[in-house]
């Protein structure tokens, strides 16, 4: 089971982004406990808020599959526990809290 934090930029920022050409950039960033403290739902929410994102938490069971889709806004996926395989633009990564 994975606890996934989905974060998107505020609505006003999304409206601006919708008017610009979209190019997807897949970037994986690891949690830095020395800088951000112990990883938890609360600390992840705080970090995302500092970056200007709103966070929503979801829990997905093993084997969850999502159809191809897109987002009209900058978005981050953050894993608090478990593993999450992510495919985008021909790339595949495993997200996990290590």
Protein backbone atom coordinates (compact mmCIF):
# COMPACT_ATOMS: atom_id res chain seq x y z
CA UNK A 1 0.00 0.00 0.00
CA UNK A 2 1.36 3.42 -0.89
CA UNK A 3 0.48 6.75 0.63
CA UNK A 4 0.83 9.24 -2.16
CA UNK A 5 0.83 12.99 -1.74
CA UNK A 6 -0.48 14.67 -4.88
CA UNK A 7 0.36 18.34 -5.07
CA UNK A 8 -0.63 20.93 -7.61
CA UNK A 9 0.13 24.59 -8.00
CA UNK A 10 -2.56 27.04 -6.83
CA UNK A 11 -5.43 27.69 -9.26
CA UNK A 12 -4.15 31.13 -10.32
CA UNK A 13 -0.78 29.64 -11.23
CA UNK A 14 -2.51 26.83 -13.15
CA UNK A 15 -4.43 29.37 -15.23
CA UNK A 16 -1.14 31.03 -16.23
CA UNK A 17 0.41 27.66 -17.04
CA UNK A 18 -2.53 26.69 -19.25
CA UNK A 19 -1.69 29.60 -21.56
CA UNK A 20 1.92 28.56 -22.15
CA UNK A 21 3.19 25.72 -24.34
CA UNK A 22 3.54 22.58 -22.28
CA UNK A 23 6.69 20.53 -22.07
CA UNK A 24 6.80 17.78 -19.53
CA UNK A 25 9.89 17.44 -17.40
CA UNK A 26 10.18 14.37 -15.22
CA UNK A 27 12.41 15.12 -12.24
CA UNK A 28 12.88 12.84 -9.23
CA UNK A 29 14.03 14.50 -6.01
CA UNK A 30 14.89 12.51 -2.88
CA UNK A 31 13.85 13.60 0.61
CA UNK A 32 16.72 15.24 2.49
CA UNK A 33 16.22 14.42 6.18
CA UNK A 34 19.12 16.69 7.18
CA UNK A 35 17.37 19.66 5.56
CA UNK A 36 13.67 18.72 5.79
CA UNK A 37 13.54 16.64 8.98
CA UNK A 38 12.01 13.21 9.42
CA UNK A 39 9.74 12.20 6.55
CA UNK A 40 6.06 12.25 7.54
CA UNK A 41 2.75 13.33 6.07
CA UNK A 42 3.01 16.61 8.00
CA UNK A 43 6.60 17.39 6.98
CA UNK A 44 5.84 16.59 3.32
CA UNK A 45 2.78 18.85 3.35
CA UNK A 46 4.84 21.67 4.86
CA UNK A 47 7.62 21.28 2.29
CA UNK A 48 5.16 21.29 -0.61
CA UNK A 49 3.40 24.38 0.78
CA UNK A 50 6.75 26.21 0.97
CA UNK A 51 7.16 25.45 -2.74
CA UNK A 52 3.71 26.91 -3.50
CA UNK A 53 1.83 23.62 -3.88
CA UNK A 54 -1.43 22.42 -2.33
CA UNK A 55 -1.27 18.82 -1.14
CA UNK A 56 -3.89 16.09 -1.02
CA UNK A 57 -3.18 12.64 0.43
CA UNK A 58 -4.36 9.38 -1.09
CA UNK A 59 -3.75 5.74 -0.27
CA UNK A 60 -3.58 3.29 -3.16
CA UNK A 61 -3.59 -0.48 -2.80
CA UNK A 62 -1.10 -2.84 -4.44
CA UNK A 63 -1.59 -3.17 -8.18
CA UNK A 64 -3.45 0.13 -8.63
CA UNK A 65 -3.33 1.22 -12.28
CA UNK A 66 -4.21 4.60 -13.74
CA UNK A 67 -4.97 5.24 -17.43
CA UNK A 68 -2.82 7.58 -19.48
CA UNK A 69 -3.76 11.15 -18.67
CA UNK A 70 -2.35 14.66 -18.46
CA UNK A 71 -2.55 17.60 -16.12
CA UNK A 72 -2.96 21.24 -17.12
CA UNK A 73 -0.81 22.34 -14.22
CA UNK A 74 2.54 21.78 -12.54
CA UNK A 75 2.20 18.73 -10.31
CA UNK A 76 4.30 16.74 -7.88
CA UNK A 77 3.82 13.20 -6.62
CA UNK A 78 5.41 12.40 -3.26
CA UNK A 79 5.60 8.97 -1.68
CA UNK A 80 5.40 8.73 2.11
CA UNK A 81 5.33 4.93 2.26
CA UNK A 82 5.37 2.00 -0.16
CA UNK A 83 6.48 2.08 -3.79
CA UNK A 84 4.86 3.68 -6.81
CA UNK A 85 5.86 2.93 -10.42
CA UNK A 86 5.42 5.98 -12.60
CA UNK A 87 5.59 6.16 -16.41
CA UNK A 88 5.65 9.40 -18.36
CA UNK A 89 6.98 10.49 -21.72
CA UNK A 90 8.59 7.09 -22.30
CA UNK A 91 10.39 7.10 -18.93
CA UNK A 92 9.66 4.78 -16.03
CA UNK A 93 10.72 5.40 -12.44
CA UNK A 94 9.97 3.78 -9.11
CA UNK A 95 9.11 6.37 -6.48
CA UNK A 96 9.74 5.37 -2.86
CA UNK A 97 10.68 7.15 0.35
CA UNK A 98 14.40 6.27 0.59
